[in-house]
């Protein structure tokens, strides 16, 4: 699925939920909360004491959804930004990010 399709799906979902005009701060709070839940799920999975496992797929989805919501609210087209950044990272500047692990 493309980033463009994901952003359109998020926009459609937000419109149906009636949350279309949330303040930027509210979007950032939701994104931060979802990232915290994802981090907590990873921590619980890999620490010595086994706790309740979070569904990392669902937590990742929630984070991506809120990130796309933030991008949409700011008029950011993630496909364009992705292509620019990936070309910079692996295109003309590919030697800048060499793996130095030997």
C-alpha atoms as a PDB file:
ATOM      1  CA  UNK A   1       0.000   0.000   0.000  1.00  0.00           C
ATOM      2  CA  UNK A   2       1.346   3.425  -0.895  1.00  0.00           C
ATOM      3  CA  UNK A   3       1.795   6.315   1.515  1.00  0.00           C
ATOM      4  CA  UNK A   4      -0.653   8.305  -0.616  1.00  0.00           C
ATOM      5  CA  UNK A   5      -3.324   5.616  -0.132  1.00  0.00           C
ATOM      6  CA  UNK A   6      -2.640   5.466   3.593  1.00  0.00           C
ATOM      7  CA  UNK A   7      -2.989   9.253   3.891  1.00  0.00           C
ATOM      8  CA  UNK A   8      -6.286   9.137   1.965  1.00  0.00           C
ATOM      9  CA  UNK A   9      -7.593   6.342   4.199  1.00  0.00           C
ATOM     10  CA  UNK A  10      -6.672   8.362   7.298  1.00  0.00           C
ATOM     11  CA  UNK A  11      -8.398  11.445   5.909  1.00  0.00           C
ATOM     12  CA  UNK A  12     -11.522   9.416   5.142  1.00  0.00           C
ATOM     13  CA  UNK A  13     -11.532   7.838   8.614  1.00  0.00           C
ATOM     14  CA  UNK A  14     -11.025  11.159  10.375  1.00  0.00           C
ATOM     15  CA  UNK A  15     -13.845  12.754   8.370  1.00  0.00           C
ATOM     16  CA  UNK A  16     -16.210   9.916   9.309  1.00  0.00           C
ATOM     17  CA  UNK A  17     -15.245  10.122  13.001  1.00  0.00           C
ATOM     18  CA  UNK A  18     -16.014  13.829  13.155  1.00  0.00           C
ATOM     19  CA  UNK A  19     -12.481  14.629  14.371  1.00  0.00           C
ATOM     20  CA  UNK A  20     -11.441  16.504  11.253  1.00  0.00           C
ATOM     21  CA  UNK A  21     -10.624  19.797  12.971  1.00  0.00           C
ATOM     22  CA  UNK A  22      -8.633  18.724  16.022  1.00  0.00           C
ATOM     23  CA  UNK A  23      -6.009  21.164  17.181  1.00  0.00           C
ATOM     24  CA  UNK A  24      -2.404  20.410  16.296  1.00  0.00           C
ATOM     25  CA  UNK A  25      -1.583  19.896  19.978  1.00  0.00           C
ATOM     26  CA  UNK A  26      -4.325  17.244  20.259  1.00  0.00           C
ATOM     27  CA  UNK A  27      -2.848  15.379  17.299  1.00  0.00           C
ATOM     28  CA  UNK A  28       0.625  15.530  18.844  1.00  0.00           C
ATOM     29  CA  UNK A  29      -0.713  14.234  22.167  1.00  0.00           C
ATOM     30  CA  UNK A  30      -2.391  11.295  20.397  1.00  0.00           C
ATOM     31  CA  UNK A  31       0.783  10.547  18.433  1.00  0.00           C
ATOM     32  CA  UNK A  32       2.909  10.707  21.568  1.00  0.00           C
ATOM     33  CA  UNK A  33       0.523   8.392  23.431  1.00  0.00           C
ATOM     34  CA  UNK A  34       0.576   5.828  20.620  1.00  0.00           C
ATOM     35  CA  UNK A  35       4.388   5.950  20.407  1.00  0.00           C
ATOM     36  CA  UNK A  36       4.520   5.424  24.189  1.00  0.00           C
ATOM     37  CA  UNK A  37       2.237   2.387  23.922  1.00  0.00           C
ATOM     38  CA  UNK A  38       4.419   0.943  21.162  1.00  0.00           C
ATOM     39  CA  UNK A  39       7.578   1.533  23.210  1.00  0.00           C
ATOM     40  CA  UNK A  40       5.981  -0.024  26.275  1.00  0.00           C
ATOM     41  CA  UNK A  41       4.943  -3.057  24.240  1.00  0.00           C
ATOM     42  CA  UNK A  42       8.490  -3.521  22.964  1.00  0.00           C
ATOM     43  CA  UNK A  43       9.901  -3.070  26.443  1.00  0.00           C
ATOM     44  CA  UNK A  44       7.499  -5.647  27.891  1.00  0.00           C
ATOM     45  CA  UNK A  45       8.352  -8.104  25.155  1.00  0.00           C
ATOM     46  CA  UNK A  46      12.113  -7.977  25.670  1.00  0.00           C
ATOM     47  CA  UNK A  47      12.628  -7.351  29.377  1.00  0.00           C
ATOM     48  CA  UNK A  48      13.417 -10.204  31.742  1.00  0.00           C
ATOM     49  CA  UNK A  49      10.089 -10.226  33.562  1.00  0.00           C
ATOM     50  CA  UNK A  50       7.378 -11.240  31.131  1.00  0.00           C
ATOM     51  CA  UNK A  51       4.372  -8.980  31.278  1.00  0.00           C
ATOM     52  CA  UNK A  52       1.296  -8.722  29.145  1.00  0.00           C
ATOM     53  CA  UNK A  53       2.311  -8.617  25.495  1.00  0.00           C
ATOM     54  CA  UNK A  54       0.944  -5.722  23.481  1.00  0.00           C
ATOM     55  CA  UNK A  55      -0.122  -6.322  19.919  1.00  0.00           C
ATOM     56  CA  UNK A  56       2.815  -4.532  18.293  1.00  0.00           C
ATOM     57  CA  UNK A  57       1.111  -4.565  14.907  1.00  0.00           C
ATOM     58  CA  UNK A  58      -1.883  -2.675  16.257  1.00  0.00           C
ATOM     59  CA  UNK A  59       0.295  -0.259  18.206  1.00  0.00           C
ATOM     60  CA  UNK A  60       2.369   0.393  15.075  1.00  0.00           C
ATOM     61  CA  UNK A  61      -0.821   0.995  13.091  1.00  0.00           C
ATOM     62  CA  UNK A  62      -2.058   3.493  15.685  1.00  0.00           C
ATOM     63  CA  UNK A  63       1.250   5.368  15.524  1.00  0.00           C
ATOM     64  CA  UNK A  64       1.265   5.466  11.711  1.00  0.00           C
ATOM     65  CA  UNK A  65      -2.375   6.550  11.644  1.00  0.00           C
ATOM     66  CA  UNK A  66      -1.710   9.489  13.959  1.00  0.00           C
ATOM     67  CA  UNK A  67       1.480  10.414  12.122  1.00  0.00           C
ATOM     68  CA  UNK A  68      -0.461  10.509   8.847  1.00  0.00           C
ATOM     69  CA  UNK A  69      -3.178  12.542  10.539  1.00  0.00           C
ATOM     70  CA  UNK A  70      -0.516  15.046  11.595  1.00  0.00           C
ATOM     71  CA  UNK A  71       0.959  15.132   8.082  1.00  0.00           C
ATOM     72  CA  UNK A  72      -2.489  15.633   6.543  1.00  0.00           C
ATOM     73  CA  UNK A  73      -3.280  18.482   8.932  1.00  0.00           C
ATOM     74  CA  UNK A  74      -0.115  20.266   7.803  1.00  0.00           C
ATOM     75  CA  UNK A  75      -0.545  19.580   4.074  1.00  0.00           C
ATOM     76  CA  UNK A  76       2.485  17.288   3.978  1.00  0.00           C
ATOM     77  CA  UNK A  77       2.490  14.757   1.155  1.00  0.00           C
ATOM     78  CA  UNK A  78       4.473  11.923   2.662  1.00  0.00           C
ATOM     79  CA  UNK A  79       5.234  10.235  -0.680  1.00  0.00           C
ATOM     80  CA  UNK A  80       7.054  13.349  -1.882  1.00  0.00           C
ATOM     81  CA  UNK A  81       8.996  13.762   1.351  1.00  0.00           C
ATOM     82  CA  UNK A  82       9.793  10.036   1.457  1.00  0.00           C
ATOM     83  CA  UNK A  83      11.172  10.080  -2.094  1.00  0.00           C
ATOM     84  CA  UNK A  84      13.284  13.172  -1.394  1.00  0.00           C
ATOM     85  CA  UNK A  85      14.739  11.731   1.801  1.00  0.00           C
ATOM     86  CA  UNK A  86      15.324   8.211   0.478  1.00  0.00           C
ATOM     87  CA  UNK A  87      17.049   9.580  -2.625  1.00  0.00           C
ATOM     88  CA  UNK A  88      19.260  11.745  -0.453  1.00  0.00           C
ATOM     89  CA  UNK A  89      20.075   8.872   1.881  1.00  0.00           C
ATOM     90  CA  UNK A  90      20.706   6.171  -0.721  1.00  0.00           C
ATOM     91  CA  UNK A  91      21.235   8.209  -3.868  1.00  0.00           C
ATOM     92  CA  UNK A  92      23.854  10.880  -4.267  1.00  0.00           C
ATOM     93  CA  UNK A  93      24.909  10.742  -0.587  1.00  0.00           C
ATOM     94  CA  UNK A  94      24.935   6.961  -0.225  1.00  0.00           C
ATOM     95  CA  UNK A  95      28.558   6.879   1.006  1.00  0.00           C
ATOM     96  CA  UNK A  96      27.687   9.217   3.858  1.00  0.00           C
ATOM     97  CA  UNK A  97      25.741   6.448   5.614  1.00  0.00           C
ATOM     98  CA  UNK A  98      28.192   3.550   5.325  1.00  0.00           C
ATOM     99  CA  UNK A  99      27.999   0.825   7.900  1.00  0.00           C
ATOM    100  CA  UNK A 100      31.068   1.139  10.123  1.00  0.00           C
ATOM    101  CA  UNK A 101      30.606  -2.154  11.999  1.00  0.00           C
ATOM    102  CA  UNK A 102      33.515  -3.624  10.087  1.00  0.00           C
END
